[in-house]
Amino acid sequence: MNSASTVLTGLASLSSKQLINRLVRATSPQIPSLTMSRCTGLGLPLAAIIKGDASRAPGLYRGIFELAGCRAVLAGTSIFELPDARPAAFDNALNEFGWLHDLHAGNTQLYRIFARGIVAEWLELKVYKNASARRPQTLATRLINWIQCAPFLLQGASRGFEISFMNSLTRQSRLLARRGVNHFSPTNRLMSAIAMVYATFGTTGLESLQKTALSRLSHELDHQILADGGHVSRNGQTLLDLLVLLVPLRETLNKALIEIPGPVNAALERMLPMLRFLSHNDGGLAVFNGVSRTGAGRIKAVLERDQIHGRPLTIAPLTGYCRIAHGRASIIMDTGMPPAPGRNPNATCSPLAFELCDGPHRIVVNCGSRQGADAQWQAASRHTSAHSTMTLGERDTSTVIDNFFTSRLFGTPALITDGHADAEVSSEEHGSVISARHTAYAKAFGLVHERQLFLDTNGIDLRGEDRLVPVVPAPDVPLDPAFAIRFHLHPSIKATLSRDGACVMLLLPNKVGWRFSARGGRLSLETSIYLPDSKSARPTQQIVISGVAGRPDRVLWAFKRIKTAAKPRPPEGQCAPELPLTAG
């Protein structure tokens, strides 16, 4: 079967699954009509656990809106009627009203009046009729933000504003009940279910819908949170975003002595250990499958409220990741394949990619994603070459299909592959080992990629082995494709290739040094980029080991921390690799 027929077969299979999923959703708990129910006032206080940035409040008051990596400055016009074209990501962030939290953090009467004025303007101009404002994700997020900031907005407000505000909450809740909870995107459905719980408990007048809203939330969590605690999107940022909303919701309901459904509690107790699992020793998320913000502060705020402290994992087979940590070092590896279409708009082709962190500093990273990035950057960040793993023949491990058909059917690009990945983690006296493999290149090249990582108990010695194992029986494919093993470096790392090309010296911001050495390919230092936690792509470097498959059949490499402070350029002859994973 050629690659074209494989793609068509894969799409047909996925289309059938999508239809089945939509039929299943039709039988799930539905939110009753809100025609006879109205928001009449404030209910339980559902305050955000992530506070806004008070330092941004003065800029907002002066009409400076910096959202989704874009900047807009008001000049005698409404923020909703700017003449210049703006990226869709800016409009989405504007209509989500997350920036209200910054004005709330400023906590002055001046900022309160200004915030009310913007909300009133949004209502008067009927911005809620715009397509951007009616997107299920935007609608659900706005509903939650309005309810969280309602005490701030309504303090000292006129009766007219309060009535308009509550009427709008009613309209938005009705729209979300009709559209959001049945959306084809799992994340949108779950966000909509959370927003409906916020609406029914955070306001008065919708009490009759509380039980059904909780039932809907239970249903979505039961279907979307995997047994190991990960979300079906395989995106750690999605998991964090959900916990930021669910943890304070559970706290508020517990304080009000309201019974929380078992599936909600069970899901949270799985999700919290997984959040720890997907976090490096610097406190931030590992950058896989569309993570655009590492979010150390948000993770800390969530985990501070974890009363159970579930035992951290070393392997999450359903979500598809492995983690080992010793000393100050942590390693997280992608040991899964891309999620099904529709589950993650920023899914990537990254099996066996890994990241290395030494205390507060990232060393090896993936290129990641950027909030509000355009289509070109999003496409570039999907490639296997944008990750710290091996590529064969300059090909991705999955076929990426991003067109009108996939957009209409799934709402996301489709990443099609016939391969699978598996892994195991073992510990011994001297350290821990991740052993993983994937078969995504088996049809194209007749080779299986196997990767083994060893981290010693002190966290100062990481050794790796990459092998290409022939498939038996061998398919009729091109022989000996070129390979490239990439190690993308964090922008804070200063890297220097030795004059003889035998090793690379790495200097961390705290002046700690690491040495990289390799055997089995040509070593080079090339340019790269890093997208997360920034308004634009940050230039950085990548270590690349290149060669031809089978010459030899494996590549050995090592990262070793240097006991004394590293110097920019090492003396010649001190870069011989010392690797325990022998070639014998």
Protein backbone atom coordinates (compact mmCIF):
# COMPACT_ATOMS: atom_id res chain seq x y z
CA MET A 1 0.00 0.00 0.00
CA ASN A 2 1.53 3.33 -1.02
CA SER A 3 1.62 6.42 1.19
CA ALA A 4 -1.34 8.10 -0.56
CA SER A 5 -3.64 5.12 -0.04
CA THR A 6 -2.44 4.82 3.54
CA VAL A 7 -3.43 8.43 4.18
CA LEU A 8 -6.85 7.97 2.54
CA THR A 9 -7.50 4.79 4.53
CA GLY A 10 -6.47 6.55 7.71
CA LEU A 11 -8.77 9.49 7.02
CA ALA A 12 -11.70 7.21 6.24
CA SER A 13 -11.15 5.34 9.51
CA LEU A 14 -10.85 8.58 11.46
CA SER A 15 -14.00 9.96 9.81
CA SER A 16 -15.94 6.90 10.91
CA LYS A 17 -14.65 7.27 14.45
CA GLN A 18 -15.58 10.95 14.42
CA LEU A 19 -19.15 10.07 13.41
CA ILE A 20 -19.39 7.46 16.16
CA ASN A 21 -18.07 9.97 18.71
CA ARG A 22 -20.72 12.49 17.68
CA LEU A 23 -23.44 9.88 18.10
CA VAL A 24 -22.10 9.02 21.56
CA ARG A 25 -22.14 12.71 22.52
CA ALA A 26 -25.78 12.90 21.49
CA THR A 27 -26.62 10.39 24.25
CA SER A 28 -24.58 12.15 26.97
CA PRO A 29 -26.21 14.32 29.66
CA GLN A 30 -27.65 17.46 28.07
CA ILE A 31 -28.14 20.86 29.70
CA PRO A 32 -31.90 21.58 29.74
CA SER A 33 -33.20 24.68 28.01
CA LEU A 34 -32.51 27.90 29.88
CA THR A 35 -35.54 29.64 28.37
CA MET A 36 -37.34 29.77 31.71
CA SER A 37 -34.22 30.43 33.82
CA ARG A 38 -32.35 33.70 34.25
CA CYS A 39 -29.27 34.89 36.11
CA THR A 40 -30.57 37.26 38.78
CA GLY A 41 -27.58 37.89 41.04
CA LEU A 42 -24.32 36.58 42.42
CA GLY A 43 -24.14 33.09 43.90
CA LEU A 44 -21.16 31.30 45.43
CA PRO A 45 -17.86 33.24 45.26
CA LEU A 46 -15.75 31.51 42.60
CA ALA A 47 -12.52 33.48 42.81
CA ALA A 48 -9.60 32.70 40.50
CA ILE A 49 -6.55 31.10 42.11
CA ILE A 50 -4.30 32.79 39.53
CA LYS A 51 -4.39 36.49 40.28
CA GLY A 52 -3.98 39.11 37.61
CA ASP A 53 -0.87 41.23 37.08
CA ALA A 54 -1.41 44.59 38.79
CA SER A 55 1.54 46.07 36.91
CA ARG A 56 -0.43 45.77 33.67
CA ALA A 57 -3.44 47.70 35.00
CA PRO A 58 -2.01 51.20 34.37
CA GLY A 59 -1.27 50.29 30.74
CA LEU A 60 -4.77 48.95 30.20
CA TYR A 61 -6.23 52.11 31.72
CA ARG A 62 -4.20 54.17 29.24
CA GLY A 63 -5.63 52.07 26.40
CA ILE A 64 -2.65 49.75 25.82
CA PHE A 65 -3.85 46.18 25.23
CA GLU A 66 -1.10 43.57 24.86
CA LEU A 67 -2.80 40.25 24.16
CA ALA A 68 -1.66 37.01 22.50
CA GLY A 69 1.67 38.53 21.53
CA CYS A 70 0.05 41.57 19.85
CA ARG A 71 -0.24 45.19 20.96
CA ALA A 72 -3.07 47.64 20.32
CA VAL A 73 -3.15 51.27 21.48
CA LEU A 74 -6.43 53.17 21.66
CA ALA A 75 -6.56 56.61 20.09
CA GLY A 76 -10.00 58.01 20.72
CA THR A 77 -11.84 54.89 19.57
CA SER A 78 -13.23 51.73 21.10
CA ILE A 79 -10.95 48.71 21.52
CA PHE A 80 -13.66 46.79 19.70
CA GLU A 81 -13.63 49.15 16.69
CA LEU A 82 -9.94 49.50 15.90
CA PRO A 83 -9.43 50.32 12.21
CA ASP A 84 -6.37 48.11 11.75
CA ALA A 85 -6.71 44.41 11.05
CA ARG A 86 -5.73 42.30 14.04
CA PRO A 87 -4.74 38.64 14.29
CA ALA A 88 -7.54 36.27 15.23
CA ALA A 89 -5.64 35.34 18.41
CA PHE A 90 -5.83 38.98 19.58
CA ASP A 91 -9.59 39.15 19.02
CA ASN A 92 -10.07 35.85 20.80
CA ALA A 93 -8.07 37.01 23.84
CA LEU A 94 -9.88 40.36 23.84
CA ASN A 95 -13.30 38.68 23.81
CA GLU A 96 -12.28 36.20 26.51
CA PHE A 97 -11.83 39.11 28.97
CA GLY A 98 -8.95 37.44 30.79
CA TRP A 99 -7.35 40.89 31.05
CA LEU A 100 -10.11 41.86 33.53
CA HIS A 101 -8.08 40.03 36.17
CA ASP A 102 -5.23 42.54 35.72
CA LEU A 103 -7.58 45.44 36.42
CA HIS A 104 -9.01 43.49 39.35
CA ALA A 105 -5.49 43.03 40.74
CA GLY A 106 -5.02 46.81 40.55
CA ASN A 107 -8.06 47.02 42.87
CA THR A 108 -8.81 50.71 42.65
CA GLN A 109 -12.11 52.47 42.00
CA LEU A 110 -10.58 54.01 38.88
CA TYR A 111 -9.80 50.60 37.37
CA ARG A 112 -13.21 49.27 38.42
CA ILE A 113 -15.03 52.08 36.60
CA PHE A 114 -12.81 51.61 33.55
CA ALA A 115 -13.49 47.84 33.51
CA ARG A 116 -17.23 48.43 33.77
CA GLY A 117 -17.00 50.88 30.90
CA ILE A 118 -15.32 48.32 28.63
CA VAL A 119 -17.92 45.67 29.49
CA ALA A 120 -20.75 48.16 28.88
CA GLU A 121 -19.16 49.11 25.56
CA TRP A 122 -18.95 45.45 24.56
CA LEU A 123 -22.66 45.07 25.32
CA GLU A 124 -23.70 48.32 23.64
CA LEU A 125 -21.81 47.53 20.43
CA LYS A 126 -23.25 43.99 20.46
CA VAL A 127 -19.80 42.50 20.03
CA TYR A 128 -21.26 39.25 21.33
CA LYS A 129 -22.72 38.73 17.85
CA ASN A 130 -19.27 38.55 16.25
CA ALA A 131 -17.98 35.13 15.21
CA SER A 132 -14.90 35.48 17.41
CA ALA A 133 -17.00 36.20 20.51
CA ARG A 134 -19.26 33.20 19.84
CA ARG A 135 -16.51 30.59 19.51
CA PRO A 136 -17.22 27.91 22.16
CA GLN A 137 -13.73 28.23 23.68
CA THR A 138 -13.97 32.03 23.81
CA LEU A 139 -17.55 31.95 25.07
CA ALA A 140 -16.80 29.48 27.87
CA THR A 141 -13.66 31.35 28.96
CA ARG A 142 -15.46 34.71 28.95
CA LEU A 143 -18.34 33.34 31.02
CA ILE A 144 -15.90 32.03 33.63
CA ASN A 145 -13.87 35.29 33.68
CA TRP A 146 -17.01 37.42 34.08
CA ILE A 147 -18.26 35.28 36.97
CA GLN A 148 -14.85 35.35 38.68
CA CYS A 149 -14.58 39.14 38.30
CA ALA A 150 -18.29 39.89 38.94
CA PRO A 151 -17.81 41.04 42.60
CA PHE A 152 -15.15 43.49 41.40
CA LEU A 153 -17.28 44.77 38.51
CA LEU A 154 -20.58 45.07 40.37
CA GLN A 155 -19.28 46.78 43.52
CA GLY A 156 -20.85 50.24 43.44
CA ALA A 157 -22.35 49.65 39.98
CA SER A 158 -25.66 51.17 38.91
CA ARG A 159 -28.76 49.01 38.87
CA GLY A 160 -28.90 49.43 35.09
CA PHE A 161 -25.41 48.00 34.60
CA GLU A 162 -26.13 45.11 36.96
CA ILE A 163 -29.30 44.19 35.01
CA SER A 164 -27.47 44.39 31.65
CA PHE A 165 -24.62 42.29 33.04
CA MET A 166 -26.92 39.57 34.37
CA ASN A 167 -28.99 39.55 31.19
CA SER A 168 -25.80 39.02 29.18
CA LEU A 169 -24.70 36.17 31.45
CA THR A 170 -28.10 34.57 30.82
CA ARG A 171 -27.76 34.93 27.02
CA GLN A 172 -24.22 33.57 27.03
CA SER A 173 -25.21 30.61 29.23
CA ARG A 174 -28.07 29.77 26.87
CA LEU A 175 -25.79 29.91 23.83
CA LEU A 176 -23.16 27.77 25.52
CA ALA A 177 -25.77 25.19 26.57
CA ARG A 178 -26.88 24.92 22.92
CA ARG A 179 -23.51 24.89 21.17
CA GLY A 180 -20.49 24.47 23.42
CA VAL A 181 -21.40 21.31 25.30
CA ASN A 182 -21.89 19.43 22.01
CA HIS A 183 -18.85 20.78 20.19
CA PHE A 184 -16.67 18.30 18.29
CA SER A 185 -13.53 19.43 20.15
CA PRO A 186 -13.10 17.52 23.44
CA THR A 187 -11.37 20.48 25.09
CA ASN A 188 -14.17 22.85 24.03
CA ARG A 189 -16.79 20.46 25.41
CA LEU A 190 -14.99 20.16 28.72
CA MET A 191 -14.42 23.92 29.00
CA SER A 192 -18.12 24.47 28.22
CA ALA A 193 -19.12 21.96 30.90
CA ILE A 194 -16.92 23.73 33.45
CA ALA A 195 -18.35 27.12 32.43
CA MET A 196 -21.91 25.84 32.89
CA VAL A 197 -21.06 24.69 36.43
CA TYR A 198 -19.56 28.12 37.13
CA ALA A 199 -22.72 29.76 35.76
CA THR A 200 -25.17 27.62 37.74
CA PHE A 201 -23.31 27.96 41.04
CA GLY A 202 -21.74 31.40 40.60
CA THR A 203 -25.07 33.13 39.96
CA THR A 204 -28.55 32.90 41.40
CA GLY A 205 -31.50 31.92 39.25
CA LEU A 206 -30.00 28.81 37.64
CA GLU A 207 -30.08 26.54 40.70
CA SER A 208 -32.42 24.04 39.02
CA LEU A 209 -29.68 23.24 36.49
CA GLN A 210 -26.87 22.59 38.96
CA LYS A 211 -27.30 18.82 39.15
CA THR A 212 -27.39 18.43 35.37
CA ALA A 213 -24.36 20.71 34.93
CA LEU A 214 -22.36 18.62 37.41
CA SER A 215 -23.49 15.45 35.66
CA ARG A 216 -22.30 16.83 32.32
CA LEU A 217 -18.95 17.79 33.84
CA SER A 218 -18.57 14.30 35.34
CA HIS A 219 -19.32 12.75 31.96
CA GLU A 220 -16.72 14.83 30.10
CA LEU A 221 -14.01 14.30 32.74
CA ASP A 222 -14.70 10.56 32.74
CA HIS A 223 -14.22 10.41 28.96
CA GLN A 224 -11.33 12.86 28.57
CA ILE A 225 -9.07 12.28 31.59
CA LEU A 226 -7.15 9.07 31.06
CA ALA A 227 -6.51 6.48 33.76
CA ASP A 228 -2.95 7.79 34.28
CA GLY A 229 -4.23 11.36 34.72
CA GLY A 230 -3.38 12.86 31.34
CA HIS A 231 -5.78 14.61 29.00
CA VAL A 232 -6.63 13.03 25.64
CA SER A 233 -4.93 16.00 23.90
CA ARG A 234 -1.55 14.89 25.37
CA ASN A 235 -0.95 18.62 26.02
CA GLY A 236 0.28 19.44 29.52
CA GLN A 237 -0.88 23.04 29.17
CA THR A 238 -4.46 21.88 28.59
CA LEU A 239 -4.22 19.78 31.77
CA LEU A 240 -2.96 22.82 33.70
CA ASP A 241 -5.66 25.12 32.28
CA LEU A 242 -8.34 22.65 33.41
CA LEU A 243 -6.89 22.31 36.91
CA VAL A 244 -6.68 26.09 37.32
CA LEU A 245 -10.49 26.12 36.98
CA LEU A 246 -11.42 22.82 38.63
CA VAL A 247 -9.36 23.09 41.82
CA PRO A 248 -10.97 26.34 43.10
CA LEU A 249 -14.38 25.07 41.96
CA ARG A 250 -14.00 21.97 44.13
CA GLU A 251 -12.78 24.08 47.08
CA THR A 252 -15.79 26.38 46.84
CA LEU A 253 -18.30 23.52 46.59
CA ASN A 254 -16.68 21.75 49.53
CA LYS A 255 -16.89 24.88 51.69
CA ALA A 256 -20.57 25.21 50.76
CA LEU A 257 -21.10 21.54 51.79
CA ILE A 258 -22.27 20.67 48.28
CA GLU A 259 -21.72 17.05 47.28
CA ILE A 260 -19.21 16.69 44.47
CA PRO A 261 -19.78 13.78 42.07
CA GLY A 262 -17.34 10.90 42.42
CA PRO A 263 -16.04 11.13 38.83
CA VAL A 264 -15.05 14.78 39.38
CA ASN A 265 -13.04 13.99 42.52
CA ALA A 266 -11.52 10.90 40.92
CA ALA A 267 -10.42 12.84 37.85
CA LEU A 268 -8.79 15.56 39.96
CA GLU A 269 -6.90 12.99 42.02
CA ARG A 270 -5.48 11.55 38.78
CA MET A 271 -4.74 14.93 37.18
CA LEU A 272 -2.71 16.46 40.01
CA PRO A 273 0.03 13.76 40.07
CA MET A 274 0.16 13.95 36.27
CA LEU A 275 0.77 17.71 36.48
CA ARG A 276 3.78 17.00 38.71
CA PHE A 277 4.89 14.30 36.27
CA LEU A 278 4.84 16.72 33.30
CA SER A 279 6.73 19.42 35.24
CA HIS A 280 10.50 19.80 35.24
CA ASN A 281 12.60 20.54 38.31
CA ASP A 282 12.41 24.24 37.40
CA GLY A 283 8.67 24.06 38.17
CA GLY A 284 7.48 24.53 34.58
CA LEU A 285 5.84 22.25 32.03
CA ALA A 286 7.80 20.14 29.59
CA VAL A 287 7.31 21.45 26.05
CA PHE A 288 5.44 18.78 24.08
CA ASN A 289 2.37 18.72 21.83
CA GLY A 290 1.63 22.42 21.65
CA VAL A 291 2.76 23.78 25.03
CA SER A 292 3.27 27.54 24.60
CA ARG A 293 3.64 28.56 28.26
CA THR A 294 5.66 26.58 30.78
CA GLY A 295 3.59 28.20 33.56
CA ALA A 296 5.72 27.58 36.68
CA GLY A 297 3.75 30.13 38.72
CA ARG A 298 0.40 28.65 37.74
CA ILE A 299 1.61 25.12 38.51
CA LYS A 300 2.79 26.23 41.96
CA ALA A 301 -0.59 27.84 42.70
CA VAL A 302 -2.41 24.62 41.75
CA LEU A 303 -0.12 22.20 43.58
CA GLU A 304 -0.20 24.30 46.77
CA ARG A 305 -3.88 23.34 47.00
CA ASP A 306 -3.27 19.62 46.53
CA GLN A 307 -4.11 17.95 49.83
CA ILE A 308 -3.49 14.36 48.68
CA HIS A 309 0.02 14.65 47.20
CA GLY A 310 -0.43 11.59 45.01
CA ARG A 311 2.64 9.50 44.31
CA PRO A 312 4.46 10.80 41.20
CA LEU A 313 4.71 8.50 38.21
CA THR A 314 7.73 7.39 36.19
CA ILE A 315 5.72 6.27 33.16
CA ALA A 316 2.31 7.32 31.83
CA PRO A 317 1.57 4.68 29.19
CA LEU A 318 -1.84 6.03 28.15
CA THR A 319 -0.81 9.67 27.87
CA GLY A 320 2.50 8.56 26.36
CA TYR A 321 5.33 10.04 28.44
CA CYS A 322 8.17 8.85 30.69
CA ARG A 323 9.97 10.77 33.41
CA ILE A 324 13.10 10.13 35.45
CA ALA A 325 14.73 12.48 37.95
CA HIS A 326 17.82 12.29 40.14
CA GLY A 327 19.63 15.03 42.01
CA ARG A 328 18.78 18.34 40.33
CA ALA A 329 18.20 16.78 36.91
CA SER A 330 14.88 15.80 35.36
CA ILE A 331 14.23 14.12 32.00
CA ILE A 332 10.84 13.86 30.32
CA MET A 333 10.40 11.87 27.11
CA ASP A 334 7.54 11.64 24.61
CA THR A 335 6.82 7.92 24.25
CA GLY A 336 3.50 8.19 22.42
CA MET A 337 2.11 8.95 18.97
CA PRO A 338 0.05 12.03 18.00
CA PRO A 339 -3.44 12.25 19.51
CA ALA A 340 -6.43 11.56 17.29
CA PRO A 341 -7.54 14.47 15.06
CA GLY A 342 -9.81 16.91 16.85
CA ARG A 343 -8.16 16.42 20.23
CA ASN A 344 -5.28 18.87 19.92
CA PRO A 345 -4.94 21.62 17.27
CA ASN A 346 -1.21 21.84 18.04
CA ALA A 347 -0.33 18.13 18.05
CA THR A 348 3.22 17.28 16.97
CA CYS A 349 5.27 14.52 15.33
CA SER A 350 7.66 13.94 18.21
CA PRO A 351 8.02 10.30 19.32
CA LEU A 352 11.08 9.68 21.52
CA ALA A 353 11.86 13.42 21.84
CA PHE A 354 13.08 14.39 25.31
CA GLU A 355 13.94 17.40 27.45
CA LEU A 356 16.68 17.76 30.08
CA CYS A 357 16.55 20.21 32.98
CA ASP A 358 19.26 20.89 35.58
CA GLY A 359 17.66 22.52 38.62
CA PRO A 360 16.26 25.91 37.57
CA HIS A 361 17.72 25.74 34.06
CA ARG A 362 16.53 23.93 30.93
CA ILE A 363 19.29 22.46 28.79
CA VAL A 364 17.74 20.26 26.08
CA VAL A 365 14.30 21.41 24.92
CA ASN A 366 11.87 21.16 22.03
CA CYS A 367 11.04 24.17 19.88
CA GLY A 368 7.50 24.28 21.29
CA SER A 369 4.62 26.51 20.29
CA ARG A 370 3.80 30.19 20.75
CA GLN A 371 0.49 31.64 21.86
CA GLY A 372 -1.10 33.46 18.94
CA ALA A 373 1.42 32.11 16.40
CA ASP A 374 0.40 32.26 12.74
CA ALA A 375 -0.24 29.18 10.61
CA GLN A 376 3.35 29.02 9.33
CA TRP A 377 4.85 28.91 12.81
CA GLN A 378 2.25 26.37 13.91
CA ALA A 379 3.10 24.15 10.94
CA ALA A 380 6.84 24.46 11.58
CA SER A 381 6.49 23.53 15.24
CA ARG A 382 4.77 20.22 14.32
CA HIS A 383 7.76 18.81 12.44
CA THR A 384 9.83 16.02 13.91
CA SER A 385 12.91 18.17 13.27
CA ALA A 386 11.55 20.76 15.74
CA HIS A 387 12.07 18.22 18.52
CA SER A 388 15.03 16.62 20.27
CA THR A 389 14.82 13.26 18.57
CA MET A 390 15.94 11.48 15.40
CA THR A 391 14.67 12.15 11.87
CA LEU A 392 15.20 9.82 8.91
CA GLY A 393 15.44 11.00 5.33
CA GLU A 394 14.28 14.49 6.41
CA ARG A 395 10.78 13.06 6.89
CA ASP A 396 8.29 13.54 9.71
CA THR A 397 7.14 10.54 11.72
CA SER A 398 3.53 11.34 10.71
CA THR A 399 1.84 12.68 7.60
CA VAL A 400 0.31 16.06 8.41
CA ILE A 401 -2.92 16.89 6.56
CA ASP A 402 -4.18 20.43 7.11
CA ASN A 403 -6.89 21.49 4.64
CA PHE A 404 -10.54 22.43 4.35
CA PHE A 405 -11.66 18.81 4.75
CA THR A 406 -9.78 18.18 8.02
CA SER A 407 -10.82 21.59 9.32
CA ARG A 408 -14.51 20.91 8.73
CA LEU A 409 -14.43 17.31 9.93
CA PHE A 410 -12.09 17.52 12.91
CA GLY A 411 -11.48 21.22 13.56
CA THR A 412 -7.74 20.47 13.60
CA PRO A 413 -5.06 19.11 11.25
CA ALA A 414 -4.88 15.33 11.02
CA LEU A 415 -1.58 13.62 11.85
CA ILE A 416 -1.68 10.17 10.21
CA THR A 417 0.75 7.38 11.06
CA ASP A 418 0.85 3.59 10.92
CA GLY A 419 3.44 3.48 13.66
CA HIS A 420 3.20 2.93 17.37
CA ALA A 421 5.45 3.65 20.33
CA ASP A 422 6.15 1.85 23.58
CA ALA A 423 8.49 2.33 26.50
CA GLU A 424 9.52 1.10 29.91
CA VAL A 425 11.39 2.63 32.84
CA SER A 426 13.71 0.67 35.10
CA SER A 427 15.78 1.66 38.12
CA GLU A 428 18.97 0.16 39.41
CA GLU A 429 21.65 0.95 41.96
CA HIS A 430 23.47 3.43 39.74
CA GLY A 431 20.51 5.23 38.16
CA SER A 432 17.40 4.94 36.00
CA VAL A 433 16.89 3.92 32.38
CA ILE A 434 14.19 4.78 29.84
CA SER A 435 14.00 2.24 27.01
CA ALA A 436 11.68 3.28 24.17
CA ARG A 437 11.01 2.54 20.51
CA HIS A 438 8.69 3.64 17.71
CA THR A 439 7.81 2.14 14.33
CA ALA A 440 6.75 5.30 12.50
CA TYR A 441 9.58 4.87 9.96
CA ALA A 442 9.04 1.13 9.42
CA LYS A 443 6.97 1.43 6.20
CA ALA A 444 9.01 4.22 4.64
CA PHE A 445 12.49 2.92 5.48
CA GLY A 446 12.10 -0.54 7.03
CA LEU A 447 13.68 0.68 10.27
CA VAL A 448 12.55 0.96 13.89
CA HIS A 449 14.01 3.73 16.06
CA GLU A 450 15.08 2.59 19.51
CA ARG A 451 16.32 5.04 22.14
CA GLN A 452 17.75 4.33 25.55
CA LEU A 453 18.53 7.01 28.16
CA PHE A 454 20.44 6.47 31.42
CA LEU A 455 20.58 9.08 34.21
CA ASP A 456 22.84 8.40 37.15
CA THR A 457 21.63 8.76 40.76
CA ASN A 458 23.46 12.07 41.20
CA GLY A 459 21.76 13.62 38.19
CA ILE A 460 25.05 14.70 36.62
CA ASP A 461 25.57 12.03 33.97
CA LEU A 462 23.09 11.42 31.13
CA ARG A 463 24.02 8.81 28.53
CA GLY A 464 22.05 7.88 25.47
CA GLU A 465 21.94 5.37 22.67
CA ASP A 466 19.97 5.66 19.42
CA ARG A 467 19.62 2.53 17.27
CA LEU A 468 17.96 1.80 13.94
CA VAL A 469 16.77 -1.82 13.88
CA PRO A 470 15.74 -3.37 10.52
CA VAL A 471 12.19 -4.65 10.17
CA VAL A 472 11.80 -8.36 9.39
CA PRO A 473 10.80 -9.13 6.70
CA ALA A 474 12.36 -6.06 5.12
CA PRO A 475 9.97 -4.02 2.91
CA ASP A 476 10.97 -2.77 -0.54
CA VAL A 477 12.19 0.68 0.50
CA PRO A 478 15.19 2.97 -0.12
CA LEU A 479 18.27 1.72 1.69
CA ASP A 480 20.52 3.64 4.07
CA PRO A 481 18.62 6.92 4.50
CA ALA A 482 20.40 9.86 6.11
CA PHE A 483 19.65 10.46 9.78
CA ALA A 484 19.90 13.50 12.02
CA ILE A 485 19.67 13.40 15.82
CA ARG A 486 18.85 16.84 17.20
CA PHE A 487 19.28 18.29 20.67
CA HIS A 488 17.65 21.72 20.69
CA LEU A 489 19.14 23.94 23.39
CA HIS A 490 17.35 26.48 25.57
CA PRO A 491 18.14 30.10 24.59
CA SER A 492 19.80 30.68 27.97
CA ILE A 493 22.49 28.08 27.19
CA LYS A 494 25.81 29.20 25.70
CA ALA A 495 27.18 26.43 23.47
CA THR A 496 30.67 26.14 21.98
CA LEU A 497 31.82 23.44 19.58
CA SER A 498 35.42 22.31 20.15
CA ARG A 499 37.89 23.04 17.34
CA ASP A 500 38.26 19.36 16.52
CA GLY A 501 34.47 18.88 16.47
CA ALA A 502 34.64 16.18 19.14
CA CYS A 503 32.41 17.76 21.78
CA VAL A 504 30.25 20.72 22.71
CA MET A 505 30.68 22.73 25.91
CA LEU A 506 27.49 24.11 27.47
CA LEU A 507 27.43 26.99 29.95
CA LEU A 508 24.28 27.53 32.03
CA PRO A 509 23.20 30.95 33.38
CA ASN A 510 24.43 29.95 36.86
CA LYS A 511 27.89 29.26 35.37
CA VAL A 512 27.54 25.49 35.74
CA GLY A 513 29.01 23.67 32.77
CA TRP A 514 27.98 20.52 30.91
CA ARG A 515 29.93 18.65 28.23
CA PHE A 516 28.28 16.84 25.33
CA SER A 517 30.13 14.16 23.39
CA ALA A 518 29.08 11.57 20.81
CA ARG A 519 30.26 8.61 18.78
CA GLY A 520 28.72 7.25 15.57
CA GLY A 521 28.06 10.38 13.53
CA ARG A 522 29.28 13.84 12.58
CA LEU A 523 28.80 16.43 15.31
CA SER A 524 27.77 20.01 14.47
CA LEU A 525 26.27 23.08 16.12
CA GLU A 526 23.47 24.77 14.19
CA THR A 527 20.88 27.51 14.65
CA SER A 528 17.44 26.85 16.09
CA ILE A 529 14.48 28.70 17.64
CA TYR A 530 12.49 28.50 20.87
CA LEU A 531 8.83 29.61 20.86
CA PRO A 532 7.29 29.25 24.36
CA ASP A 533 7.03 32.04 26.94
CA SER A 534 7.79 34.79 24.46
CA LYS A 535 6.04 37.24 22.11
CA SER A 536 8.31 36.16 19.26
CA ALA A 537 10.61 33.29 18.32
CA ARG A 538 13.84 33.39 20.30
CA PRO A 539 17.03 32.38 18.48
CA THR A 540 19.00 29.54 20.00
CA GLN A 541 21.22 26.63 18.92
CA GLN A 542 20.93 22.91 18.40
CA ILE A 543 23.45 20.10 18.57
CA VAL A 544 23.09 17.80 15.56
CA ILE A 545 24.57 14.33 15.04
CA SER A 546 24.24 13.34 11.39
CA GLY A 547 25.12 10.28 9.39
CA VAL A 548 23.76 7.41 7.30
CA ALA A 549 21.61 4.66 8.76
CA GLY A 550 23.53 1.47 9.38
CA ARG A 551 26.95 3.13 9.35
CA PRO A 552 27.17 2.24 12.24
CA ASP A 553 23.88 0.78 13.47
CA ARG A 554 23.81 2.94 16.61
CA VAL A 555 24.91 6.32 17.92
CA LEU A 556 26.22 6.82 21.47
CA TRP A 557 26.15 10.22 23.16
CA ALA A 558 26.45 11.73 26.64
CA PHE A 559 25.80 14.89 28.63
CA LYS A 560 28.03 15.25 31.71
CA ARG A 561 27.98 18.03 34.25
CA ILE A 562 31.41 19.52 34.87
CA LYS A 563 32.34 19.77 38.52
CA THR A 564 33.93 23.18 38.18
CA ALA A 565 32.58 26.20 36.30
CA ALA A 566 32.72 25.68 32.57
CA LYS A 567 34.89 27.76 30.31
CA PRO A 568 33.70 28.94 26.89
CA ARG A 569 36.15 26.72 24.99
CA PRO A 570 37.63 23.47 26.33
CA PRO A 571 41.25 22.41 25.85
CA GLU A 572 41.77 20.07 22.93
CA GLY A 573 41.81 16.35 23.65
CA GLN A 574 39.46 16.47 26.65
CA CYS A 575 36.24 15.58 24.84
CA ALA A 576 36.45 11.82 24.37
CA PRO A 577 33.00 10.35 25.06
CA GLU A 578 32.71 8.06 28.06
CA LEU A 579 29.57 6.06 27.36
CA PRO A 580 28.34 3.06 29.36
CA LEU A 581 26.01 1.82 26.60
CA THR A 582 28.68 -0.07 24.71
CA ALA A 583 28.52 -0.93 21.05
CA GLY A 584 29.08 -4.61 21.73
